[in-house]
C-alpha cells in the first residue's frame, strides 16, 4: 500500500505542459464525490478503528477549481462522518477558507487529468471526541482525501484516511502508537476502504 501511495504522489507531482486546459475547464463547474466504507489494516497489532470503536466512515468532498486550476474555490468543503460501534456519530467539516482551512495540492497528470489531494487539520478538541481522550493526548490529526478528475468525471485516489502528527504532549499517550512516522499522509494511521 505504501508503494502505491508513494507512486501516486511522485506521479501526481509531474506537471505536463498543456494540462492547463483541463484545469481551466474544471474551474467552471462544481464537483462532488462521496465515499463510504470501512477501514483497511495498517499493520498495527491493534488497529486504530478497533481500539476506538470505529465501525464505518462517510466522506463528502465538494469543490471547484479557481482560474488556472491550481487552487480550490473558497466554497470547497470536505466532510467526514464516523459511525462508532456503540451507535455514536462523530462528524467534522473543513472549508477552503477560514480557520483550519483545507490545504490542497492540485497537479496535472499526463493524459489530461487533474489530481486533487486535500488535507484537513482537525482541531485536537474536536478529534478528542472521536476517540474519547483528552485533547492534549491526540497529537495533530489530519484528514486526507484524494480524487482524480478526468474528462469531467471524478474517481477516488489512493490517499484517503487519517494521519496523526505527534506532539510533545501526545508522545506518551495511548494514541502515540498510531502517530505517523514520516509525519505525512503517505503513512496513515487509518486507511479508508470503500464499500
N, C-alpha and C. Protein backbone atom coordinates (compact mmCIF):
# COMPACT_ATOMS: atom_id res chain seq x y z
N UNK A 1 0.83 -1.20 0.00
CA UNK A 1 0.00 0.00 0.00
C UNK A 1 0.87 1.25 0.00
N UNK A 2 1.95 1.24 0.81
CA UNK A 2 2.84 2.39 0.89
C UNK A 2 3.47 2.67 -0.46
N UNK A 3 3.88 1.60 -1.18
CA UNK A 3 4.47 1.77 -2.50
C UNK A 3 3.49 2.42 -3.46
N UNK A 4 2.23 2.00 -3.40
CA UNK A 4 1.20 2.59 -4.26
C UNK A 4 1.04 4.07 -3.95
N UNK A 5 0.98 4.42 -2.66
CA UNK A 5 0.82 5.82 -2.27
C UNK A 5 1.99 6.66 -2.75
N UNK A 6 3.22 6.13 -2.58
CA UNK A 6 4.40 6.88 -2.99
C UNK A 6 4.42 7.06 -4.50
N UNK A 7 4.02 6.00 -5.24
CA UNK A 7 3.95 6.10 -6.68
C UNK A 7 2.97 7.18 -7.11
N UNK A 8 1.79 7.18 -6.49
CA UNK A 8 0.78 8.18 -6.83
C UNK A 8 1.30 9.58 -6.54
N UNK A 9 1.96 9.75 -5.39
CA UNK A 9 2.49 11.07 -5.04
C UNK A 9 3.52 11.53 -6.05
N UNK A 10 4.47 10.65 -6.42
CA UNK A 10 5.51 11.08 -7.33
C UNK A 10 4.94 11.28 -8.73
N UNK A 11 3.99 10.44 -9.15
CA UNK A 11 3.38 10.57 -10.45
C UNK A 11 2.56 11.85 -10.54
N UNK A 12 1.84 12.17 -9.46
CA UNK A 12 0.98 13.35 -9.45
C UNK A 12 1.79 14.63 -9.45
N UNK A 13 3.04 14.58 -9.01
CA UNK A 13 3.83 15.80 -8.96
C UNK A 13 4.39 16.21 -10.32
N UNK A 14 4.26 15.34 -11.32
CA UNK A 14 4.71 15.67 -12.66
C UNK A 14 3.63 16.51 -13.34
N UNK A 15 3.97 17.71 -13.74
CA UNK A 15 3.01 18.57 -14.41
C UNK A 15 3.41 18.67 -15.87
N UNK A 16 2.57 18.14 -16.73
CA UNK A 16 2.87 18.15 -18.16
C UNK A 16 2.44 19.46 -18.78
N UNK A 17 3.23 19.97 -19.74
CA UNK A 17 2.78 21.17 -20.43
C UNK A 17 1.48 20.88 -21.18
N UNK A 18 0.63 21.86 -21.27
CA UNK A 18 -0.64 21.68 -21.97
C UNK A 18 -1.75 21.17 -21.08
N UNK A 19 -1.47 20.94 -19.79
CA UNK A 19 -2.53 20.46 -18.91
C UNK A 19 -3.29 21.60 -18.25
N UNK A 20 -2.96 22.82 -18.58
CA UNK A 20 -3.73 23.94 -18.04
C UNK A 20 -5.15 23.92 -18.58
N UNK A 21 -5.33 23.38 -19.79
CA UNK A 21 -6.66 23.35 -20.38
C UNK A 21 -7.66 22.53 -19.56
N UNK A 22 -7.35 21.28 -19.14
CA UNK A 22 -8.32 20.55 -18.33
C UNK A 22 -8.61 21.26 -17.01
N UNK A 23 -7.58 21.84 -16.41
CA UNK A 23 -7.79 22.54 -15.15
C UNK A 23 -8.68 23.75 -15.37
N UNK A 24 -8.49 24.47 -16.46
CA UNK A 24 -9.31 25.64 -16.74
C UNK A 24 -10.77 25.23 -16.97
N UNK A 25 -10.97 24.11 -17.69
CA UNK A 25 -12.32 23.61 -17.89
C UNK A 25 -12.96 23.24 -16.56
N UNK A 26 -12.17 22.64 -15.68
CA UNK A 26 -12.69 22.15 -14.40
C UNK A 26 -13.19 23.27 -13.51
N UNK A 27 -12.58 24.46 -13.58
CA UNK A 27 -12.94 25.51 -12.65
C UNK A 27 -14.33 26.07 -12.86
N UNK A 28 -14.93 25.82 -14.01
CA UNK A 28 -16.25 26.38 -14.28
C UNK A 28 -17.37 25.65 -13.56
N UNK A 29 -17.17 24.40 -13.20
CA UNK A 29 -18.26 23.61 -12.62
C UNK A 29 -17.89 23.08 -11.24
N UNK A 30 -18.86 23.05 -10.32
CA UNK A 30 -18.58 22.44 -9.02
C UNK A 30 -18.60 20.91 -9.15
N UNK A 31 -17.79 20.27 -8.36
CA UNK A 31 -17.72 18.81 -8.37
C UNK A 31 -18.05 18.28 -6.98
N UNK A 32 -18.58 17.08 -6.92
CA UNK A 32 -18.87 16.45 -5.63
C UNK A 32 -18.68 14.95 -5.77
N UNK A 33 -18.14 14.36 -4.72
CA UNK A 33 -17.96 12.91 -4.69
C UNK A 33 -18.17 12.44 -3.25
N UNK A 34 -18.79 11.28 -3.12
CA UNK A 34 -18.99 10.68 -1.80
C UNK A 34 -18.27 9.34 -1.76
N UNK A 35 -17.77 9.02 -0.58
CA UNK A 35 -17.08 7.76 -0.37
C UNK A 35 -17.50 7.24 1.00
N UNK A 36 -17.78 5.95 1.08
CA UNK A 36 -18.13 5.37 2.37
C UNK A 36 -17.64 3.93 2.42
N UNK A 37 -17.42 3.46 3.64
CA UNK A 37 -16.96 2.09 3.79
C UNK A 37 -16.41 1.82 5.17
N UNK A 38 -15.45 0.91 5.21
CA UNK A 38 -14.81 0.51 6.45
C UNK A 38 -13.36 0.97 6.47
N UNK A 39 -12.50 0.19 7.12
CA UNK A 39 -11.11 0.61 7.30
C UNK A 39 -10.18 -0.52 6.90
N UNK A 40 -9.12 -0.16 6.21
CA UNK A 40 -8.13 -1.11 5.74
C UNK A 40 -7.05 -1.26 6.81
N UNK A 41 -6.53 -2.46 7.05
CA UNK A 41 -5.50 -2.62 8.08
C UNK A 41 -4.22 -1.85 7.74
N UNK A 42 -3.58 -1.29 8.76
CA UNK A 42 -2.31 -0.58 8.57
C UNK A 42 -1.13 -1.37 9.10
N UNK A 43 -1.40 -2.56 9.63
CA UNK A 43 -0.33 -3.40 10.14
C UNK A 43 -0.06 -3.26 11.62
N UNK A 44 -0.92 -2.53 12.32
CA UNK A 44 -0.77 -2.39 13.77
C UNK A 44 -1.24 -3.66 14.47
N UNK A 45 -0.67 -3.95 15.63
CA UNK A 45 -1.10 -5.11 16.42
C UNK A 45 -2.58 -4.97 16.77
N UNK A 46 -2.96 -3.79 17.24
CA UNK A 46 -4.38 -3.47 17.45
C UNK A 46 -4.67 -2.27 16.55
N UNK A 47 -5.53 -2.47 15.58
CA UNK A 47 -5.81 -1.39 14.62
C UNK A 47 -6.54 -0.23 15.30
N UNK A 48 -6.29 0.96 14.81
CA UNK A 48 -6.87 2.19 15.34
C UNK A 48 -8.39 2.08 15.45
N UNK A 49 -9.04 1.67 14.35
CA UNK A 49 -10.50 1.64 14.33
C UNK A 49 -11.06 0.61 15.32
N UNK A 50 -10.33 -0.48 15.52
CA UNK A 50 -10.77 -1.46 16.53
C UNK A 50 -10.63 -0.90 17.93
N UNK A 51 -9.51 -0.27 18.19
CA UNK A 51 -9.25 0.25 19.53
C UNK A 51 -10.25 1.32 19.96
N UNK A 52 -10.65 2.17 19.01
CA UNK A 52 -11.53 3.28 19.36
C UNK A 52 -12.98 3.07 18.93
N UNK A 53 -13.31 1.85 18.51
CA UNK A 53 -14.70 1.50 18.23
C UNK A 53 -15.29 2.13 16.98
N UNK A 54 -14.44 2.43 15.97
CA UNK A 54 -14.96 3.00 14.73
C UNK A 54 -15.47 1.87 13.84
N UNK A 55 -16.72 1.99 13.39
CA UNK A 55 -17.33 0.96 12.56
C UNK A 55 -17.24 1.28 11.07
N UNK A 56 -17.54 2.53 10.71
CA UNK A 56 -17.54 2.89 9.30
C UNK A 56 -17.36 4.40 9.16
N UNK A 57 -17.13 4.83 7.92
CA UNK A 57 -16.95 6.25 7.63
C UNK A 57 -17.78 6.64 6.41
N UNK A 58 -18.03 7.92 6.30
CA UNK A 58 -18.62 8.51 5.11
C UNK A 58 -17.95 9.85 4.89
N UNK A 59 -17.49 10.09 3.67
CA UNK A 59 -16.85 11.36 3.32
C UNK A 59 -17.58 11.97 2.14
N UNK A 60 -17.77 13.27 2.19
CA UNK A 60 -18.29 14.02 1.04
C UNK A 60 -17.31 15.15 0.74
N UNK A 61 -16.88 15.25 -0.51
CA UNK A 61 -15.95 16.29 -0.94
C UNK A 61 -16.61 17.06 -2.07
N UNK A 62 -16.88 18.34 -1.82
CA UNK A 62 -17.46 19.24 -2.81
C UNK A 62 -16.42 20.31 -3.09
N UNK A 63 -16.11 20.54 -4.37
CA UNK A 63 -15.06 21.51 -4.66
C UNK A 63 -15.19 22.08 -6.07
N UNK A 64 -14.50 23.18 -6.25
CA UNK A 64 -14.31 23.80 -7.55
C UNK A 64 -12.86 24.20 -7.63
N UNK A 65 -12.38 24.49 -8.84
CA UNK A 65 -11.00 24.93 -9.02
C UNK A 65 -11.00 26.37 -9.51
N UNK A 66 -10.14 27.16 -8.90
CA UNK A 66 -10.01 28.56 -9.31
C UNK A 66 -9.44 28.65 -10.72
N UNK A 67 -9.55 29.82 -11.31
CA UNK A 67 -8.98 30.07 -12.62
C UNK A 67 -7.50 29.69 -12.59
N UNK A 68 -7.06 28.94 -13.56
CA UNK A 68 -5.69 28.43 -13.57
C UNK A 68 -5.60 27.02 -13.04
N UNK A 69 -6.62 26.60 -12.29
CA UNK A 69 -6.71 25.22 -11.86
C UNK A 69 -5.72 24.76 -10.82
N UNK A 70 -5.09 25.67 -10.07
CA UNK A 70 -4.07 25.26 -9.10
C UNK A 70 -4.52 25.37 -7.65
N UNK A 71 -5.73 25.91 -7.42
CA UNK A 71 -6.23 26.03 -6.05
C UNK A 71 -7.74 25.84 -6.02
N UNK A 72 -8.25 25.55 -4.82
CA UNK A 72 -9.68 25.32 -4.65
C UNK A 72 -10.45 26.62 -4.55
N UNK A 73 -11.71 26.60 -4.99
CA UNK A 73 -12.58 27.74 -4.77
C UNK A 73 -12.91 27.83 -3.28
N UNK A 74 -13.27 29.02 -2.84
CA UNK A 74 -13.48 29.26 -1.41
C UNK A 74 -14.65 28.49 -0.82
N UNK A 75 -15.59 28.04 -1.66
CA UNK A 75 -16.73 27.30 -1.15
C UNK A 75 -16.49 25.78 -1.10
N UNK A 76 -15.27 25.35 -1.42
CA UNK A 76 -14.95 23.91 -1.38
C UNK A 76 -15.03 23.41 0.06
N UNK A 77 -15.48 22.16 0.21
CA UNK A 77 -15.71 21.63 1.56
C UNK A 77 -15.48 20.12 1.59
N UNK A 78 -14.85 19.66 2.67
CA UNK A 78 -14.62 18.25 2.91
C UNK A 78 -15.27 17.90 4.24
N UNK A 79 -16.15 16.90 4.24
CA UNK A 79 -16.86 16.50 5.47
C UNK A 79 -16.66 15.01 5.71
N UNK A 80 -16.44 14.65 6.97
CA UNK A 80 -16.29 13.25 7.35
C UNK A 80 -17.29 12.93 8.45
N UNK A 81 -17.82 11.71 8.40
CA UNK A 81 -18.75 11.23 9.42
C UNK A 81 -18.30 9.83 9.82
N UNK A 82 -18.00 9.65 11.09
CA UNK A 82 -17.57 8.35 11.61
C UNK A 82 -18.69 7.77 12.46
N UNK A 83 -19.12 6.56 12.11
CA UNK A 83 -20.11 5.84 12.91
C UNK A 83 -19.34 4.89 13.82
N UNK A 84 -19.63 4.99 15.13
CA UNK A 84 -18.95 4.12 16.09
C UNK A 84 -19.83 2.91 16.39
N UNK A 85 -19.20 1.85 16.89
CA UNK A 85 -19.93 0.61 17.17
C UNK A 85 -21.01 0.79 18.23
N UNK A 86 -20.83 1.76 19.12
CA UNK A 86 -21.84 1.97 20.16
C UNK A 86 -23.00 2.83 19.68
N UNK A 87 -23.00 3.20 18.39
CA UNK A 87 -24.09 3.99 17.83
C UNK A 87 -23.81 5.49 17.80
N UNK A 88 -22.77 5.93 18.50
CA UNK A 88 -22.42 7.35 18.47
C UNK A 88 -21.89 7.72 17.09
N UNK A 89 -22.00 9.00 16.77
CA UNK A 89 -21.52 9.51 15.49
C UNK A 89 -20.61 10.70 15.78
N UNK A 90 -19.48 10.75 15.08
CA UNK A 90 -18.60 11.91 15.15
C UNK A 90 -18.48 12.49 13.75
N UNK A 91 -18.63 13.82 13.64
CA UNK A 91 -18.58 14.49 12.34
C UNK A 91 -17.66 15.69 12.39
N UNK A 92 -17.03 15.97 11.26
CA UNK A 92 -16.20 17.17 11.17
C UNK A 92 -16.17 17.63 9.71
N UNK A 93 -16.10 18.96 9.51
CA UNK A 93 -16.00 19.54 8.16
C UNK A 93 -14.91 20.58 8.12
N UNK A 94 -14.28 20.69 6.96
CA UNK A 94 -13.31 21.76 6.69
C UNK A 94 -13.72 22.47 5.41
N UNK A 95 -13.52 23.77 5.40
CA UNK A 95 -13.77 24.56 4.20
C UNK A 95 -12.44 25.09 3.66
N UNK A 96 -12.46 25.56 2.43
CA UNK A 96 -11.24 26.09 1.82
C UNK A 96 -10.86 27.44 2.38
N UNK A 97 -11.76 28.09 3.09
CA UNK A 97 -11.43 29.38 3.69
C UNK A 97 -11.71 29.33 5.19
N UNK A 98 -11.10 30.24 5.93
CA UNK A 98 -11.36 30.32 7.36
C UNK A 98 -10.33 29.58 8.18
N UNK A 99 -10.62 29.47 9.47
CA UNK A 99 -9.72 28.79 10.40
C UNK A 99 -9.66 27.30 10.09
N UNK A 100 -8.50 26.71 10.23
CA UNK A 100 -8.30 25.29 9.92
C UNK A 100 -8.77 24.96 8.50
N UNK A 101 -8.38 25.81 7.55
CA UNK A 101 -8.83 25.66 6.16
C UNK A 101 -8.20 24.44 5.50
N UNK A 102 -8.85 23.97 4.44
CA UNK A 102 -8.32 22.88 3.64
C UNK A 102 -7.02 23.31 2.97
N UNK A 103 -6.04 22.44 2.98
CA UNK A 103 -4.83 22.64 2.19
C UNK A 103 -4.97 21.73 0.97
N UNK A 104 -4.66 22.25 -0.20
CA UNK A 104 -4.85 21.46 -1.42
C UNK A 104 -3.57 21.39 -2.23
N UNK A 105 -3.34 20.22 -2.81
CA UNK A 105 -2.24 20.01 -3.74
C UNK A 105 -2.89 19.57 -5.05
N UNK A 106 -2.94 20.49 -6.01
CA UNK A 106 -3.61 20.24 -7.29
C UNK A 106 -2.54 20.15 -8.36
N UNK A 107 -2.50 19.02 -9.06
CA UNK A 107 -1.47 18.80 -10.08
C UNK A 107 -2.08 18.18 -11.33
N UNK A 108 -1.52 18.58 -12.47
CA UNK A 108 -1.90 17.94 -13.72
C UNK A 108 -1.20 16.61 -13.83
N UNK A 109 -1.87 15.63 -14.42
CA UNK A 109 -1.30 14.30 -14.67
C UNK A 109 -1.28 14.10 -16.18
N UNK A 110 -0.17 13.61 -16.72
CA UNK A 110 -0.13 13.35 -18.16
C UNK A 110 -1.33 12.50 -18.58
N UNK A 111 -1.94 12.86 -19.67
CA UNK A 111 -3.14 12.18 -20.12
C UNK A 111 -4.38 13.00 -19.81
N UNK A 112 -4.19 14.30 -19.56
CA UNK A 112 -5.29 15.24 -19.35
C UNK A 112 -6.18 14.89 -18.17
N UNK A 113 -5.55 14.72 -17.03
CA UNK A 113 -6.29 14.51 -15.79
C UNK A 113 -5.72 15.45 -14.74
N UNK A 114 -6.46 15.64 -13.66
CA UNK A 114 -6.02 16.51 -12.57
C UNK A 114 -6.14 15.72 -11.27
N UNK A 115 -5.06 15.73 -10.50
CA UNK A 115 -5.04 15.09 -9.19
C UNK A 115 -5.28 16.17 -8.13
N UNK A 116 -6.24 15.93 -7.24
CA UNK A 116 -6.54 16.87 -6.16
C UNK A 116 -6.41 16.12 -4.83
N UNK A 117 -5.40 16.50 -4.04
CA UNK A 117 -5.20 15.92 -2.72
C UNK A 117 -5.45 17.04 -1.71
N UNK A 118 -6.43 16.83 -0.83
CA UNK A 118 -6.73 17.85 0.18
C UNK A 118 -6.43 17.29 1.57
N UNK A 119 -6.01 18.21 2.44
CA UNK A 119 -5.77 17.86 3.84
C UNK A 119 -6.57 18.81 4.72
N UNK A 120 -7.16 18.24 5.74
CA UNK A 120 -7.96 18.99 6.69
C UNK A 120 -7.37 18.76 8.08
N UNK A 121 -6.81 19.79 8.69
CA UNK A 121 -6.29 19.66 10.05
C UNK A 121 -7.47 19.74 11.00
N UNK A 122 -7.62 18.70 11.82
CA UNK A 122 -8.74 18.63 12.75
C UNK A 122 -8.30 19.17 14.10
N UNK A 123 -8.99 20.16 14.66
CA UNK A 123 -8.61 20.67 15.97
C UNK A 123 -8.61 19.54 17.01
N UNK A 124 -7.61 19.56 17.88
CA UNK A 124 -7.45 18.50 18.87
C UNK A 124 -8.70 18.29 19.72
N UNK A 125 -9.33 19.39 20.12
CA UNK A 125 -10.53 19.29 20.96
C UNK A 125 -11.65 18.55 20.22
N UNK A 126 -11.78 18.82 18.92
CA UNK A 126 -12.81 18.14 18.12
C UNK A 126 -12.50 16.65 17.99
N UNK A 127 -11.24 16.33 17.67
CA UNK A 127 -10.88 14.93 17.45
C UNK A 127 -10.93 14.12 18.73
N UNK A 128 -10.67 14.75 19.86
CA UNK A 128 -10.72 14.05 21.15
C UNK A 128 -12.08 13.41 21.38
N UNK A 129 -13.13 14.03 20.83
CA UNK A 129 -14.48 13.46 20.97
C UNK A 129 -14.62 12.14 20.20
N UNK A 130 -13.86 12.01 19.12
CA UNK A 130 -13.95 10.81 18.28
C UNK A 130 -13.26 9.62 18.92
N UNK A 131 -12.33 9.89 19.83
CA UNK A 131 -11.55 8.79 20.42
C UNK A 131 -11.66 8.75 21.95
N UNK A 132 -12.50 9.60 22.52
CA UNK A 132 -12.72 9.65 23.97
C UNK A 132 -11.42 9.81 24.76
N UNK A 133 -10.59 10.76 24.32
CA UNK A 133 -9.33 11.06 25.01
C UNK A 133 -9.26 12.55 25.33
N UNK A 134 -8.28 12.92 26.13
CA UNK A 134 -8.03 14.32 26.42
C UNK A 134 -7.43 14.97 25.17
N UNK A 135 -7.81 16.22 24.85
CA UNK A 135 -7.26 16.88 23.67
C UNK A 135 -5.73 16.95 23.64
N UNK A 136 -5.07 16.99 24.80
CA UNK A 136 -3.61 17.03 24.83
C UNK A 136 -2.99 15.71 24.39
N UNK A 137 -3.77 14.64 24.41
CA UNK A 137 -3.23 13.31 24.12
C UNK A 137 -3.39 12.86 22.68
N UNK A 138 -3.98 13.69 21.82
CA UNK A 138 -4.30 13.20 20.47
C UNK A 138 -3.31 13.62 19.39
N UNK A 139 -2.33 14.45 19.72
CA UNK A 139 -1.42 14.92 18.68
C UNK A 139 -2.13 15.87 17.74
N UNK A 140 -1.68 15.90 16.49
CA UNK A 140 -2.31 16.77 15.49
C UNK A 140 -2.92 15.88 14.40
N UNK A 141 -4.24 15.66 14.46
CA UNK A 141 -4.90 14.80 13.49
C UNK A 141 -5.19 15.53 12.17
N UNK A 142 -5.01 14.82 11.08
CA UNK A 142 -5.24 15.37 9.75
C UNK A 142 -6.01 14.37 8.90
N UNK A 143 -7.07 14.85 8.27
CA UNK A 143 -7.83 14.05 7.33
C UNK A 143 -7.27 14.33 5.94
N UNK A 144 -7.02 13.29 5.17
CA UNK A 144 -6.52 13.46 3.80
C UNK A 144 -7.46 12.74 2.84
N UNK A 145 -7.70 13.39 1.69
CA UNK A 145 -8.63 12.82 0.72
C UNK A 145 -8.13 13.16 -0.68
N UNK A 146 -8.18 12.17 -1.57
CA UNK A 146 -7.58 12.30 -2.90
C UNK A 146 -8.60 11.91 -3.97
N UNK A 147 -8.74 12.76 -4.98
CA UNK A 147 -9.58 12.43 -6.13
C UNK A 147 -8.83 12.73 -7.42
N UNK A 148 -9.23 12.05 -8.48
CA UNK A 148 -8.69 12.28 -9.82
C UNK A 148 -9.84 12.76 -10.69
N UNK A 149 -9.63 13.88 -11.35
CA UNK A 149 -10.63 14.45 -12.25
C UNK A 149 -10.15 14.24 -13.69
N UNK A 150 -10.94 13.50 -14.47
CA UNK A 150 -10.59 13.26 -15.87
C UNK A 150 -11.85 13.40 -16.72
N UNK A 151 -11.77 14.27 -17.72
CA UNK A 151 -12.90 14.50 -18.63
C UNK A 151 -14.20 14.81 -17.89
N UNK A 152 -14.10 15.59 -16.81
CA UNK A 152 -15.28 16.00 -16.07
C UNK A 152 -15.81 14.97 -15.09
N UNK A 153 -15.20 13.78 -15.05
CA UNK A 153 -15.63 12.72 -14.14
C UNK A 153 -14.62 12.55 -13.01
N UNK A 154 -15.13 12.26 -11.81
CA UNK A 154 -14.27 12.06 -10.64
C UNK A 154 -14.15 10.59 -10.31
N UNK A 155 -12.97 10.20 -9.84
CA UNK A 155 -12.79 8.89 -9.24
C UNK A 155 -11.91 9.06 -8.00
N UNK A 156 -12.00 8.10 -7.10
CA UNK A 156 -11.23 8.17 -5.87
C UNK A 156 -9.76 7.91 -6.13
N UNK A 157 -8.91 8.64 -5.42
CA UNK A 157 -7.47 8.42 -5.49
C UNK A 157 -7.01 7.51 -4.37
N UNK A 158 -5.71 7.30 -4.27
CA UNK A 158 -5.15 6.34 -3.32
C UNK A 158 -5.08 6.86 -1.89
N UNK A 159 -4.85 8.15 -1.71
CA UNK A 159 -4.66 8.68 -0.37
C UNK A 159 -5.98 9.10 0.25
N UNK A 160 -6.54 8.24 1.08
CA UNK A 160 -7.79 8.56 1.75
C UNK A 160 -7.73 7.99 3.15
N UNK A 161 -7.75 8.85 4.13
CA UNK A 161 -7.71 8.39 5.51
C UNK A 161 -7.31 9.49 6.47
N UNK A 162 -6.61 9.08 7.49
CA UNK A 162 -6.27 9.98 8.58
C UNK A 162 -4.84 9.71 9.01
N UNK A 163 -4.08 10.77 9.24
CA UNK A 163 -2.76 10.59 9.84
C UNK A 163 -2.61 11.54 11.01
N UNK A 164 -1.78 11.15 11.95
CA UNK A 164 -1.60 11.91 13.18
C UNK A 164 -0.14 12.29 13.34
N UNK A 165 0.11 13.59 13.48
CA UNK A 165 1.45 14.07 13.75
C UNK A 165 1.61 14.17 15.27
N UNK A 166 2.64 13.56 15.82
CA UNK A 166 2.79 13.60 17.28
C UNK A 166 3.21 14.97 17.79
N UNK A 167 2.87 15.25 19.03
CA UNK A 167 3.32 16.46 19.72
C UNK A 167 4.06 16.02 20.98
N UNK A 168 4.70 16.95 21.65
CA UNK A 168 5.40 16.63 22.90
C UNK A 168 4.42 16.05 23.91
N UNK A 169 3.23 16.64 24.00
CA UNK A 169 2.23 16.18 24.96
C UNK A 169 1.70 14.79 24.62
N UNK A 170 1.56 14.48 23.32
CA UNK A 170 0.95 13.20 22.94
C UNK A 170 1.96 12.06 22.86
N UNK A 171 3.24 12.36 23.01
CA UNK A 171 4.30 11.35 22.83
C UNK A 171 4.14 10.15 23.75
N UNK A 172 3.57 10.34 24.93
CA UNK A 172 3.42 9.23 25.87
C UNK A 172 1.98 8.74 25.99
N UNK A 173 1.08 9.25 25.14
CA UNK A 173 -0.32 8.84 25.23
C UNK A 173 -0.55 7.52 24.51
N UNK A 174 -1.72 6.91 24.72
CA UNK A 174 -2.03 5.66 24.04
C UNK A 174 -2.16 5.83 22.54
N UNK A 175 -2.39 7.04 22.08
CA UNK A 175 -2.52 7.31 20.65
C UNK A 175 -1.16 7.39 19.96
N UNK A 176 -0.08 7.49 20.72
CA UNK A 176 1.26 7.64 20.12
C UNK A 176 1.63 6.44 19.24
N UNK A 177 1.07 5.28 19.52
CA UNK A 177 1.35 4.09 18.69
C UNK A 177 0.86 4.27 17.26
N UNK A 178 -0.08 5.18 17.06
CA UNK A 178 -0.67 5.39 15.73
C UNK A 178 -0.15 6.65 15.04
N UNK A 179 0.82 7.30 15.64
CA UNK A 179 1.35 8.54 15.05
C UNK A 179 2.10 8.22 13.76
N UNK A 180 2.02 9.12 12.81
CA UNK A 180 2.68 8.96 11.53
C UNK A 180 4.19 9.07 11.71
N UNK A 181 4.91 8.06 11.28
CA UNK A 181 6.37 8.04 11.43
C UNK A 181 6.99 9.15 10.58
N UNK A 182 6.52 9.30 9.35
CA UNK A 182 7.06 10.33 8.47
C UNK A 182 6.34 11.67 8.62
N UNK A 183 5.35 11.73 9.50
CA UNK A 183 4.56 12.94 9.70
C UNK A 183 3.96 13.41 8.39
N UNK A 184 3.43 12.48 7.62
CA UNK A 184 2.88 12.82 6.32
C UNK A 184 1.74 11.89 5.95
N UNK A 185 0.93 12.30 4.96
CA UNK A 185 -0.21 11.47 4.55
C UNK A 185 0.19 10.16 3.88
N UNK A 186 1.47 9.97 3.56
CA UNK A 186 1.88 8.71 2.95
C UNK A 186 2.01 7.59 3.99
N UNK A 187 1.83 7.93 5.27
CA UNK A 187 1.89 6.93 6.34
C UNK A 187 0.67 7.10 7.25
N UNK A 188 -0.53 6.72 6.76
CA UNK A 188 -1.75 6.99 7.53
C UNK A 188 -1.93 6.09 8.75
N UNK A 189 -2.60 6.63 9.75
CA UNK A 189 -2.99 5.87 10.93
C UNK A 189 -4.26 5.07 10.65
N UNK A 190 -5.11 5.62 9.80
CA UNK A 190 -6.38 5.00 9.42
C UNK A 190 -6.48 5.11 7.90
N UNK A 191 -6.72 3.98 7.23
CA UNK A 191 -6.89 3.99 5.78
C UNK A 191 -8.34 3.69 5.46
N UNK A 192 -8.99 4.57 4.70
CA UNK A 192 -10.36 4.34 4.30
C UNK A 192 -10.42 3.27 3.22
N UNK A 193 -11.39 2.36 3.35
CA UNK A 193 -11.59 1.27 2.41
C UNK A 193 -13.03 1.30 1.93
N UNK A 194 -13.24 1.72 0.69
CA UNK A 194 -14.59 1.90 0.14
C UNK A 194 -15.36 0.60 0.08
N UNK A 195 -16.68 0.71 0.24
CA UNK A 195 -17.57 -0.45 0.08
C UNK A 195 -17.58 -0.88 -1.38
